N, C-alpha and C. Protein backbone atom coordinates (compact mmCIF):
# COMPACT_ATOMS: atom_id res chain seq x y z
N UNK A 1 10.17 13.72 2.97
CA UNK A 1 9.50 13.26 3.99
C UNK A 1 9.47 11.55 4.30
N UNK A 2 9.85 11.17 5.54
CA UNK A 2 9.95 9.94 5.68
C UNK A 2 8.67 8.79 5.68
N UNK A 3 8.75 7.88 5.41
CA UNK A 3 7.86 6.90 5.68
C UNK A 3 6.83 6.95 6.82
N UNK A 4 7.56 7.15 7.75
CA UNK A 4 6.97 7.01 9.35
C UNK A 4 6.14 8.25 8.91
N UNK A 5 7.00 9.51 9.00
CA UNK A 5 5.68 10.42 8.72
C UNK A 5 4.73 10.67 7.93
N UNK A 6 4.79 9.77 6.93
CA UNK A 6 3.31 9.51 6.15
C UNK A 6 2.47 8.50 6.65
N UNK A 7 2.86 7.69 7.26
CA UNK A 7 2.10 6.77 7.99
C UNK A 7 1.71 7.50 9.08
N UNK A 8 2.14 8.19 9.87
CA UNK A 8 1.22 9.14 11.08
C UNK A 8 0.29 9.71 10.60
N UNK A 9 0.63 10.61 9.21
CA UNK A 9 -0.43 11.41 8.72
C UNK A 9 -1.72 10.74 8.35
N UNK A 10 -1.24 9.45 7.59
CA UNK A 10 -2.23 8.51 7.35
C UNK A 10 -3.29 7.76 8.38
N UNK A 11 -2.91 7.50 8.96
CA UNK A 11 -3.47 7.07 10.45
C UNK A 11 -4.36 8.10 10.92
N UNK A 12 -3.90 9.40 11.13
CA UNK A 12 -4.47 10.43 11.45
C UNK A 12 -5.49 10.89 10.85
N UNK A 13 -5.67 10.72 9.51
CA UNK A 13 -6.79 10.77 8.60
C UNK A 13 -7.89 9.91 8.80
N UNK A 14 -7.05 8.86 8.79
CA UNK A 14 -8.40 7.42 9.13
C UNK A 14 -8.94 7.75 10.45
N UNK A 15 -8.07 8.33 11.43
CA UNK A 15 -8.81 8.35 12.83
C UNK A 15 -10.09 9.43 12.77
N UNK A 16 -10.05 10.81 12.13
CA UNK A 16 -10.44 11.56 12.09
C UNK A 16 -11.90 11.33 11.01
N UNK A 17 -11.42 10.49 10.33
CA UNK A 17 -12.65 9.93 9.23
C UNK A 17 -13.72 9.23 9.90
N UNK A 18 -13.23 8.37 10.76
CA UNK A 18 -13.89 7.45 11.68
C UNK A 18 -14.43 8.35 12.69
N UNK A 19 -13.72 9.07 13.43
CA UNK A 19 -14.77 10.16 14.29
C UNK A 19 -15.92 10.80 13.62
N UNK A 20 -15.40 11.41 12.28
CA UNK A 20 -16.81 12.01 11.79
C UNK A 20 -18.00 11.03 11.28
N UNK A 21 -17.74 10.11 11.08
CA UNK A 21 -18.57 8.75 10.51
C UNK A 21 -19.15 8.48 12.11
N UNK A 22 -18.98 8.28 12.84
CA UNK A 22 -19.69 7.75 14.22
C UNK A 22 -20.74 8.97 14.56
N UNK A 23 -20.39 10.45 14.18
CA UNK A 23 -21.22 11.69 14.74
C UNK A 23 -22.39 11.70 13.94
N UNK A 24 -23.03 10.45 13.09
CA UNK A 24 -24.24 10.45 12.40
C UNK A 24 -25.16 10.25 13.74
N UNK A 25 -26.41 10.92 13.53
CA UNK A 25 -27.41 10.77 14.56
C UNK A 25 -28.36 9.31 13.98
N UNK A 26 -28.94 9.01 14.80
CA UNK A 26 -29.79 7.80 14.50
C UNK A 26 -31.00 8.08 13.44
N UNK A 27 -31.41 9.15 13.34
CA UNK A 27 -32.48 9.63 12.48
C UNK A 27 -31.75 9.38 10.74
N UNK A 28 -30.30 10.06 10.67
CA UNK A 28 -29.62 9.76 9.75
C UNK A 28 -29.26 8.76 9.26
N UNK A 29 -29.03 7.35 10.16
CA UNK A 29 -28.73 6.17 9.98
C UNK A 29 -30.03 5.47 9.40
N UNK A 30 -31.23 6.00 10.01
CA UNK A 30 -32.73 5.40 9.45
C UNK A 30 -32.66 5.67 8.02
N UNK A 31 -32.72 6.99 7.55
CA UNK A 31 -32.77 7.50 6.59
C UNK A 31 -31.86 6.79 5.50
N UNK A 32 -30.45 6.50 5.86
CA UNK A 32 -29.39 5.99 5.28
C UNK A 32 -29.94 4.54 4.82
N UNK A 33 -30.38 3.57 5.60
CA UNK A 33 -30.77 2.37 5.60
C UNK A 33 -31.80 2.21 4.75
N UNK A 34 -32.67 3.37 4.52
CA UNK A 34 -33.59 3.17 3.42
C UNK A 34 -33.17 3.41 1.97
N UNK A 35 -32.27 4.21 1.99
CA UNK A 35 -31.66 4.59 0.44
C UNK A 35 -30.59 3.87 0.03
N UNK A 36 -30.08 2.48 1.10
CA UNK A 36 -29.10 1.91 0.94
C UNK A 36 -29.33 1.03 -0.28
N UNK A 37 -30.39 0.74 -1.07
CA UNK A 37 -30.54 -0.27 -2.15
C UNK A 37 -30.25 0.73 -3.18
N UNK A 38 -30.74 1.93 -3.37
CA UNK A 38 -30.09 2.93 -4.63
C UNK A 38 -29.03 3.46 -4.37
N UNK A 39 -28.12 3.51 -3.51
CA UNK A 39 -26.76 3.91 -3.16
C UNK A 39 -25.91 3.53 -4.31
N UNK A 40 -24.97 4.38 -4.78
CA UNK A 40 -24.06 3.99 -5.41
C UNK A 40 -22.88 4.00 -4.99
N UNK A 41 -22.18 2.77 -5.06
CA UNK A 41 -20.82 2.25 -4.65
C UNK A 41 -19.70 2.50 -5.17
N UNK A 42 -19.53 2.63 -6.47
CA UNK A 42 -18.46 2.73 -7.42
C UNK A 42 -18.51 3.74 -8.41
N UNK A 43 -17.34 4.20 -8.71
CA UNK A 43 -16.88 5.70 -9.55
C UNK A 43 -16.08 4.92 -10.74
N UNK A 44 -16.11 4.94 -11.95
CA UNK A 44 -14.80 4.62 -12.63
C UNK A 44 -14.97 5.92 -13.78
N UNK A 45 -13.55 6.51 -13.99
CA UNK A 45 -13.19 7.43 -14.73
C UNK A 45 -12.22 7.38 -15.47
N UNK A 46 -12.02 8.49 -16.54
CA UNK A 46 -11.05 8.37 -17.27
C UNK A 46 -10.62 9.88 -17.30
N UNK A 47 -9.32 10.14 -17.36
CA UNK A 47 -8.87 11.74 -17.53
C UNK A 47 -7.32 11.77 -17.66
N UNK A 48 -6.97 13.18 -17.65
CA UNK A 48 -5.52 13.30 -18.06
C UNK A 48 -4.81 14.11 -16.70
N UNK A 49 -3.51 13.99 -16.69
CA UNK A 49 -2.91 14.92 -15.52
C UNK A 49 -1.56 15.37 -16.40
N UNK A 50 -1.17 16.47 -15.74
CA UNK A 50 0.01 17.25 -15.87
C UNK A 50 1.13 17.21 -14.80
N UNK A 51 2.01 16.83 -15.04
CA UNK A 51 2.76 16.22 -14.08
C UNK A 51 4.31 17.15 -14.00
N UNK A 52 4.43 18.11 -13.05
CA UNK A 52 5.44 18.60 -13.16
C UNK A 52 6.47 18.37 -12.11
N UNK A 53 7.35 17.35 -12.71
CA UNK A 53 8.36 16.52 -11.93
C UNK A 53 9.98 17.01 -11.67
N UNK A 54 9.92 17.64 -10.68
CA UNK A 54 11.17 18.26 -9.99
C UNK A 54 12.54 17.66 -10.27
N UNK A 55 12.20 16.15 -9.55
CA UNK A 55 13.42 15.12 -9.05
C UNK A 55 13.70 14.72 -10.35
N UNK A 56 15.10 14.23 -10.69
CA UNK A 56 15.71 13.54 -11.37
C UNK A 56 16.59 12.50 -11.15
N UNK A 57 16.98 11.45 -12.01
CA UNK A 57 18.16 10.75 -11.73
C UNK A 57 19.67 11.43 -12.54
N UNK A 58 19.33 12.29 -13.07
CA UNK A 58 20.42 13.19 -14.07
C UNK A 58 21.13 13.74 -12.81
N UNK A 59 22.71 13.97 -12.81
CA UNK A 59 23.21 14.55 -11.63
C UNK A 59 23.19 15.83 -12.23
N UNK A 60 23.37 16.02 -13.56
CA UNK A 60 23.59 17.17 -14.17
C UNK A 60 22.22 18.34 -14.06
N UNK A 61 21.05 17.65 -13.72
CA UNK A 61 19.96 18.43 -13.69
C UNK A 61 19.57 18.71 -12.07
N UNK A 62 20.11 17.81 -11.19
CA UNK A 62 20.19 18.06 -9.85
C UNK A 62 21.01 18.84 -9.45
N UNK A 63 22.08 19.52 -10.04
CA UNK A 63 23.22 20.42 -10.07
C UNK A 63 22.99 21.46 -10.45
N UNK A 64 22.26 21.79 -11.12
CA UNK A 64 22.13 23.14 -11.95
C UNK A 64 20.62 23.30 -11.55
N UNK A 65 20.45 24.72 -11.77
CA UNK A 65 18.91 25.21 -11.94
C UNK A 65 18.33 24.79 -12.97
N UNK A 66 17.39 24.13 -12.95
CA UNK A 66 16.61 24.11 -14.48
C UNK A 66 14.81 24.24 -14.50
N UNK A 67 14.23 24.55 -15.58
CA UNK A 67 13.15 24.66 -15.84
C UNK A 67 12.28 23.35 -16.02
N UNK A 68 11.26 23.21 -15.18
CA UNK A 68 10.41 21.61 -15.45
C UNK A 68 9.54 21.84 -16.62
N UNK A 69 9.49 21.06 -17.34
CA UNK A 69 8.32 21.09 -18.68
C UNK A 69 7.26 19.98 -17.93
N UNK A 70 6.23 20.25 -18.12
CA UNK A 70 5.07 19.42 -17.77
C UNK A 70 4.87 18.18 -18.61
N UNK A 71 4.67 17.11 -17.79
CA UNK A 71 4.86 15.81 -18.30
C UNK A 71 3.36 15.68 -18.51
N UNK A 72 2.64 15.00 -19.68
CA UNK A 72 1.08 14.61 -19.76
C UNK A 72 1.12 13.14 -19.35
N UNK A 73 -0.04 12.75 -18.85
CA UNK A 73 -0.24 11.57 -18.70
C UNK A 73 -1.60 11.30 -18.75
N UNK A 74 -1.89 9.83 -18.61
CA UNK A 74 -3.29 9.28 -19.00
C UNK A 74 -3.59 8.82 -17.67
N UNK A 75 -4.75 9.11 -17.02
CA UNK A 75 -5.51 9.00 -16.00
C UNK A 75 -6.39 7.76 -15.89
N UNK A 76 -6.24 6.58 -15.31
CA UNK A 76 -7.40 5.75 -15.24
C UNK A 76 -7.86 5.89 -13.61
N UNK A 77 -8.87 6.07 -13.25
CA UNK A 77 -9.50 6.35 -11.86
C UNK A 77 -10.64 5.54 -11.28
N UNK A 78 -10.52 4.61 -10.66
CA UNK A 78 -11.78 4.01 -9.84
C UNK A 78 -11.81 4.19 -8.26
N UNK A 79 -13.12 4.36 -7.69
CA UNK A 79 -13.20 4.50 -6.49
C UNK A 79 -14.50 3.84 -5.86
N UNK A 80 -13.97 3.21 -4.50
CA UNK A 80 -14.98 2.31 -3.86
C UNK A 80 -15.67 3.24 -2.85
N UNK A 81 -16.83 3.26 -2.75
CA UNK A 81 -17.37 4.51 -1.70
C UNK A 81 -18.11 3.43 -0.45
N UNK A 82 -17.64 3.01 0.54
CA UNK A 82 -18.55 2.32 1.33
C UNK A 82 -19.38 3.21 2.36
N UNK A 83 -18.84 4.36 2.56
CA UNK A 83 -19.41 5.01 3.51
C UNK A 83 -19.77 6.64 2.67
N UNK A 84 -20.81 7.24 3.31
CA UNK A 84 -20.98 8.62 2.50
C UNK A 84 -19.69 9.96 2.42
N UNK A 85 -18.75 9.61 3.65
CA UNK A 85 -17.62 10.67 3.77
C UNK A 85 -16.33 9.74 3.60
N UNK A 86 -16.38 8.32 3.69
CA UNK A 86 -15.22 7.91 3.57
C UNK A 86 -14.87 7.27 2.21
N UNK A 87 -14.13 7.34 1.20
CA UNK A 87 -13.75 6.43 -0.07
C UNK A 87 -12.71 6.18 -0.22
N UNK A 88 -12.40 5.10 -1.13
CA UNK A 88 -11.17 4.34 -1.41
C UNK A 88 -11.09 4.11 -3.00
N UNK A 89 -10.11 5.25 -3.24
CA UNK A 89 -9.73 5.60 -4.76
C UNK A 89 -8.57 4.54 -4.88
N UNK A 90 -8.48 4.14 -6.44
CA UNK A 90 -7.06 3.50 -7.09
C UNK A 90 -7.11 3.99 -8.28
N UNK A 91 -5.66 4.52 -8.44
CA UNK A 91 -5.32 4.93 -9.74
C UNK A 91 -4.34 4.64 -10.47
N UNK A 92 -4.15 4.47 -11.82
CA UNK A 92 -3.28 4.02 -12.57
C UNK A 92 -3.02 5.34 -13.47
N UNK A 93 -1.50 5.73 -13.49
CA UNK A 93 -1.08 7.05 -14.10
C UNK A 93 -0.11 6.59 -15.52
N UNK A 94 -0.37 6.75 -16.78
CA UNK A 94 0.23 6.50 -17.58
C UNK A 94 0.97 7.48 -18.48
N UNK A 95 2.32 7.88 -18.41
CA UNK A 95 2.84 8.96 -19.13
C UNK A 95 2.76 8.74 -20.44
N UNK A 96 2.42 10.04 -21.20
CA UNK A 96 2.43 9.85 -22.60
C UNK A 96 3.69 10.55 -23.41
N UNK A 97 4.80 11.10 -22.41
CA UNK A 97 6.22 11.55 -23.06
C UNK A 97 6.83 11.61 -22.18
N UNK A 98 7.99 11.49 -22.13
CA UNK A 98 9.33 11.78 -21.36
C UNK A 98 9.21 12.97 -20.26
N UNK A 99 9.92 13.00 -19.29
CA UNK A 99 9.63 14.36 -18.42
C UNK A 99 11.03 14.64 -18.75
N UNK A 100 10.59 16.15 -18.81
CA UNK A 100 11.41 17.03 -19.40
C UNK A 100 12.16 18.06 -18.52
N UNK A 101 13.53 18.86 -18.58
CA UNK A 101 14.04 19.57 -17.83
C UNK A 101 14.69 20.41 -19.00
N UNK A 102 14.76 21.91 -18.95
CA UNK A 102 15.55 22.82 -19.56
C UNK A 102 16.76 23.28 -18.61
N UNK A 103 17.94 23.04 -19.09
CA UNK A 103 18.89 23.12 -18.28
C UNK A 103 19.95 24.32 -19.13
N UNK A 104 20.31 25.40 -18.82
CA UNK A 104 21.36 26.14 -19.65
C UNK A 104 20.63 26.18 -20.77
N UNK A 105 19.63 26.07 -21.13
CA UNK A 105 19.23 26.24 -22.60
C UNK A 105 18.94 25.03 -23.60
N UNK A 106 19.44 23.95 -22.37
CA UNK A 106 19.50 22.48 -23.23
C UNK A 106 18.43 21.86 -22.76
N UNK A 107 17.53 21.30 -23.61
CA UNK A 107 16.40 20.06 -23.10
C UNK A 107 16.98 18.73 -22.88
N UNK A 108 16.45 18.36 -21.78
CA UNK A 108 16.87 16.99 -21.26
C UNK A 108 15.74 16.40 -21.08
N UNK A 109 15.69 14.98 -21.88
CA UNK A 109 14.56 14.00 -21.44
C UNK A 109 15.13 12.88 -20.86
N UNK A 110 13.98 12.63 -20.02
CA UNK A 110 13.86 11.24 -19.13
C UNK A 110 12.86 10.19 -19.12
N UNK A 111 12.94 9.11 -19.02
CA UNK A 111 11.78 8.19 -19.07
C UNK A 111 10.98 8.75 -17.83
N UNK A 112 9.48 8.75 -17.90
CA UNK A 112 8.46 8.85 -16.91
C UNK A 112 8.09 7.48 -16.46
N UNK A 113 8.11 7.18 -15.35
CA UNK A 113 7.40 5.98 -14.64
C UNK A 113 6.13 6.01 -14.76
N UNK A 114 5.52 4.86 -15.02
CA UNK A 114 4.14 4.57 -14.69
C UNK A 114 3.97 4.56 -13.30
N UNK A 115 2.73 4.70 -12.98
CA UNK A 115 2.62 4.97 -11.48
C UNK A 115 1.01 4.71 -11.34
N UNK A 116 0.86 3.72 -10.16
CA UNK A 116 -0.28 2.97 -10.00
C UNK A 116 -0.46 3.49 -7.89
N UNK A 117 -1.49 3.64 -7.59
CA UNK A 117 -1.67 4.11 -6.36
C UNK A 117 -2.92 3.97 -5.73
N UNK A 118 -3.10 4.02 -4.36
CA UNK A 118 -4.64 4.02 -3.58
C UNK A 118 -4.44 4.82 -2.44
N UNK A 119 -5.34 5.13 -1.64
CA UNK A 119 -5.21 5.67 -0.48
C UNK A 119 -6.77 5.66 0.34
N UNK A 120 -6.99 6.77 0.99
CA UNK A 120 -8.21 6.98 1.46
C UNK A 120 -8.56 8.61 1.51
N UNK A 121 -9.50 8.54 0.92
CA UNK A 121 -10.06 10.56 1.20
C UNK A 121 -11.23 10.33 1.89
N UNK A 122 -11.50 11.66 2.20
CA UNK A 122 -12.74 12.14 2.92
C UNK A 122 -13.52 13.12 2.37
N UNK A 123 -14.94 12.98 2.36
CA UNK A 123 -15.62 13.92 1.44
C UNK A 123 -15.76 15.14 2.56
N UNK A 124 -15.18 16.71 2.21
CA UNK A 124 -14.85 17.64 3.02
C UNK A 124 -16.55 18.28 3.11
N UNK A 125 -17.13 18.44 1.90
CA UNK A 125 -18.43 19.16 1.51
C UNK A 125 -19.31 18.91 0.48
N UNK A 126 -20.71 19.06 0.50
CA UNK A 126 -21.23 19.00 -0.74
C UNK A 126 -22.14 20.09 -0.75
N UNK A 127 -22.22 20.46 -2.00
CA UNK A 127 -23.55 21.72 -2.35
C UNK A 127 -24.05 21.38 -3.43
N UNK A 128 -25.45 21.55 -2.91
CA UNK A 128 -26.39 20.79 -4.02
C UNK A 128 -27.24 22.26 -4.83
N UNK A 129 -27.04 22.02 -6.05
CA UNK A 129 -27.64 22.92 -7.42
C UNK A 129 -29.00 22.29 -7.62
N UNK A 130 -30.25 22.58 -7.22
CA UNK A 130 -31.17 22.24 -7.70
C UNK A 130 -31.31 20.87 -7.23
N UNK A 131 -32.52 19.89 -7.93
CA UNK A 131 -32.54 18.50 -7.66
C UNK A 131 -31.49 17.58 -7.85
N UNK A 132 -30.73 17.90 -9.07
CA UNK A 132 -30.14 16.64 -10.05
C UNK A 132 -28.67 17.23 -9.92
N UNK A 133 -27.91 18.36 -9.35
CA UNK A 133 -26.57 18.51 -9.59
C UNK A 133 -25.79 19.07 -8.28
N UNK A 134 -24.62 18.83 -8.21
CA UNK A 134 -24.19 19.15 -7.14
C UNK A 134 -22.56 19.33 -7.20
N UNK A 135 -21.72 19.88 -6.24
CA UNK A 135 -20.24 20.01 -6.13
C UNK A 135 -19.88 19.52 -5.08
N UNK A 136 -18.85 18.56 -4.88
CA UNK A 136 -18.33 18.14 -3.75
C UNK A 136 -16.64 18.35 -3.64
N UNK A 137 -16.05 18.19 -2.68
CA UNK A 137 -14.62 18.21 -2.33
C UNK A 137 -14.18 17.34 -1.65
N UNK A 138 -13.36 16.51 -2.02
CA UNK A 138 -12.87 15.34 -1.19
C UNK A 138 -11.25 15.27 -1.33
N UNK A 139 -10.35 14.73 -0.20
CA UNK A 139 -8.93 15.10 -0.24
C UNK A 139 -8.35 13.96 0.96
N UNK A 140 -7.31 13.65 0.30
CA UNK A 140 -6.78 12.70 1.59
C UNK A 140 -5.11 12.09 1.15
N UNK A 141 -4.69 11.52 1.93
CA UNK A 141 -3.52 10.72 1.64
C UNK A 141 -3.35 9.50 0.80
N UNK A 142 -2.78 9.64 -0.15
CA UNK A 142 -2.36 8.36 -1.21
C UNK A 142 -0.78 7.60 -0.95
N UNK A 143 -0.91 6.43 -1.03
CA UNK A 143 0.55 5.58 -1.37
C UNK A 143 0.75 5.51 -2.87
N UNK A 144 1.73 6.00 -3.84
CA UNK A 144 1.94 5.63 -5.10
C UNK A 144 3.21 5.03 -5.12
N UNK A 145 3.42 4.00 -6.15
CA UNK A 145 3.97 3.05 -6.26
C UNK A 145 4.94 3.18 -7.74
N UNK A 146 5.69 3.84 -8.04
CA UNK A 146 6.28 4.08 -9.24
C UNK A 146 7.42 3.20 -9.93
N UNK A 147 7.24 2.36 -11.11
CA UNK A 147 7.99 1.66 -11.86
C UNK A 147 8.93 1.95 -12.68
N UNK A 148 10.29 2.01 -12.09
CA UNK A 148 11.26 2.53 -12.85
C UNK A 148 11.73 1.31 -13.86
N UNK A 149 13.00 1.86 -14.24
CA UNK A 149 13.44 0.60 -15.43
C UNK A 149 14.33 -0.35 -14.13
N UNK A 150 14.38 -1.76 -14.90
CA UNK A 150 14.96 -2.68 -14.58
C UNK A 150 13.84 -3.35 -13.39
N UNK A 151 12.66 -2.96 -13.09
CA UNK A 151 12.29 -3.46 -12.15
C UNK A 151 11.91 -2.85 -10.78
N UNK A 152 12.51 -1.62 -10.81
CA UNK A 152 12.79 -1.71 -9.56
C UNK A 152 11.42 -0.55 -9.06
N UNK A 153 10.87 -0.65 -8.00
CA UNK A 153 9.58 0.01 -7.55
C UNK A 153 9.71 1.20 -6.25
N UNK A 154 9.46 2.41 -6.84
CA UNK A 154 9.68 3.19 -5.58
C UNK A 154 8.48 3.81 -5.01
N UNK A 155 8.37 3.96 -3.68
CA UNK A 155 6.76 4.29 -3.01
C UNK A 155 7.20 5.62 -2.59
N UNK A 156 6.03 6.49 -3.03
CA UNK A 156 5.77 7.99 -2.89
C UNK A 156 4.64 8.48 -2.17
N UNK A 157 4.68 8.99 -1.19
CA UNK A 157 3.70 9.24 -0.43
C UNK A 157 2.68 10.88 -1.18
N UNK A 158 1.68 10.56 -1.44
CA UNK A 158 1.03 11.76 -2.20
C UNK A 158 -0.27 12.19 -1.23
N UNK A 159 -0.30 13.60 -1.26
CA UNK A 159 -1.52 14.22 -0.85
C UNK A 159 -2.38 15.00 -2.00
N UNK A 160 -3.45 14.41 -2.18
CA UNK A 160 -4.43 15.07 -3.32
C UNK A 160 -5.60 15.39 -2.75
N UNK A 161 -6.44 16.43 -3.73
CA UNK A 161 -7.70 16.69 -3.53
C UNK A 161 -8.12 17.05 -4.65
N UNK A 162 -9.91 16.76 -4.81
CA UNK A 162 -10.44 17.38 -5.95
C UNK A 162 -11.89 17.56 -5.96
N UNK A 163 -12.22 18.63 -6.80
CA UNK A 163 -13.44 19.13 -6.96
C UNK A 163 -14.54 18.11 -7.87
N UNK A 164 -15.52 17.72 -7.55
CA UNK A 164 -16.31 16.67 -8.26
C UNK A 164 -17.41 17.55 -8.48
N UNK A 165 -17.95 17.75 -9.78
CA UNK A 165 -19.27 18.26 -9.98
C UNK A 165 -20.12 16.82 -10.62
N UNK A 166 -21.46 16.81 -9.96
CA UNK A 166 -22.23 15.81 -10.30
C UNK A 166 -23.31 16.12 -10.74
N UNK A 167 -23.61 15.36 -12.09
CA UNK A 167 -25.05 15.74 -12.93
C UNK A 167 -25.62 14.50 -12.36
N UNK A 168 -27.33 14.40 -12.21
CA UNK A 168 -27.99 13.47 -11.99
C UNK A 168 -27.74 12.04 -11.32
N UNK A 169 -26.72 12.61 -10.17
CA UNK A 169 -25.69 11.69 -9.42
C UNK A 169 -25.26 10.47 -9.88
N UNK A 170 -25.15 10.37 -11.45
CA UNK A 170 -24.05 9.20 -11.78
C UNK A 170 -23.06 9.67 -12.82
N UNK A 171 -23.20 11.05 -13.35
CA UNK A 171 -22.45 11.48 -14.24
C UNK A 171 -21.49 12.30 -13.40
N UNK A 172 -19.98 12.26 -13.84
CA UNK A 172 -19.22 13.59 -12.70
C UNK A 172 -18.15 13.75 -14.08
N UNK A 173 -17.90 15.19 -13.45
CA UNK A 173 -16.49 15.71 -13.75
C UNK A 173 -15.80 16.60 -13.00
N UNK A 174 -14.26 15.99 -12.95
CA UNK A 174 -13.40 16.31 -11.91
C UNK A 174 -12.40 17.31 -12.21
N UNK A 175 -12.06 18.02 -11.05
CA UNK A 175 -10.70 18.76 -11.42
C UNK A 175 -9.71 18.92 -9.97
N UNK A 176 -8.71 18.83 -10.02
CA UNK A 176 -7.94 18.44 -8.73
C UNK A 176 -6.60 18.44 -8.88
N UNK A 177 -5.74 18.66 -7.37
CA UNK A 177 -4.23 18.80 -7.80
C UNK A 177 -3.84 17.76 -6.21
N UNK A 178 -2.61 17.39 -6.68
CA UNK A 178 -2.08 16.42 -5.85
C UNK A 178 -0.19 17.07 -5.94
N UNK A 179 0.00 16.49 -4.74
CA UNK A 179 1.88 17.00 -4.48
C UNK A 179 2.42 15.37 -3.98
N UNK A 180 3.29 15.09 -4.82
CA UNK A 180 4.01 13.63 -4.44
C UNK A 180 5.14 14.38 -3.27
N UNK A 181 4.88 13.82 -2.13
CA UNK A 181 6.17 14.28 -1.16
C UNK A 181 7.39 13.46 -1.33
N UNK A 182 7.59 12.38 -1.96
CA UNK A 182 8.56 11.46 -2.21
C UNK A 182 9.34 12.00 -3.38
N UNK A 183 8.99 12.69 -4.26
CA UNK A 183 9.69 12.89 -5.82
C UNK A 183 9.39 14.21 -6.00
N UNK A 184 8.82 14.98 -4.98
CA UNK A 184 8.77 16.72 -5.20
C UNK A 184 7.92 17.05 -6.58
N UNK A 185 6.95 16.05 -6.80
CA UNK A 185 5.95 16.54 -8.00
C UNK A 185 4.76 16.92 -7.68
N UNK A 186 4.50 17.83 -8.65
CA UNK A 186 3.26 18.73 -8.53
C UNK A 186 2.23 18.29 -9.81
N UNK A 187 1.25 17.86 -9.69
CA UNK A 187 0.12 17.50 -10.61
C UNK A 187 -1.01 18.16 -10.55
N UNK A 188 -1.65 18.15 -11.83
CA UNK A 188 -3.03 19.00 -12.13
C UNK A 188 -3.68 17.84 -12.42
N UNK A 189 -4.87 17.32 -12.56
CA UNK A 189 -5.53 16.45 -13.16
C UNK A 189 -7.12 16.64 -13.12
N UNK A 190 -7.71 16.40 -14.09
CA UNK A 190 -8.87 16.43 -14.55
C UNK A 190 -9.64 15.11 -15.36
N UNK A 191 -10.81 15.10 -15.36
CA UNK A 191 -11.35 13.81 -16.27
C UNK A 191 -13.09 13.82 -16.20
N UNK A 192 -13.41 12.88 -16.68
CA UNK A 192 -15.09 12.65 -16.53
C UNK A 192 -15.19 11.04 -16.27
N UNK A 193 -16.42 10.80 -15.64
CA UNK A 193 -16.48 9.21 -15.02
C UNK A 193 -17.94 9.20 -14.69
N UNK A 194 -18.18 7.88 -14.41
CA UNK A 194 -19.57 7.61 -14.20
C UNK A 194 -19.79 6.81 -12.69
N UNK A 195 -20.75 7.24 -11.87
CA UNK A 195 -21.05 6.39 -10.66
C UNK A 195 -22.36 5.66 -11.04
N UNK A 196 -21.75 4.20 -10.14
CA UNK A 196 -22.92 3.31 -10.37
C UNK A 196 -22.91 2.49 -9.04
């Protein structure tokens, strides 16, 4: 996927979220203004991700059919929530081991790059369970920056979504998945956090 296609998708998501935010009625606006002093604007969380990175700098891996071994990574996640539906996450993913491929029965390892990224996500839905628990789903496009050896920085567009389980409106657990269009990496991530 080219940067131009990613920019078009990113702009489309921003336009759709803007349209959905303008659809609030006047009564919702008044209700929101009374709750504004109690509204929580930030989320900080810590988690782990399993990355299935299919691309490689090794020509042997690219030429032959290989089996991808998942790479573990520590995930630091922060989210700014200026609107009810629109959210701006920032993440840092630090691999705890190399990315590995099995080619013809031989295990080949490469350094996995640390990644930082940001984007815009929209809350798709929320299901309340009682007064103090809820389940939400949010998804959207991201731009991630991979730091390779020698100071090279690669930009990769990512599409991600996650389910968030909220308890008492401040404690969260989440489970999600992502796909990096630039490097062909599928990821599963999970963790816990606090909303304040």
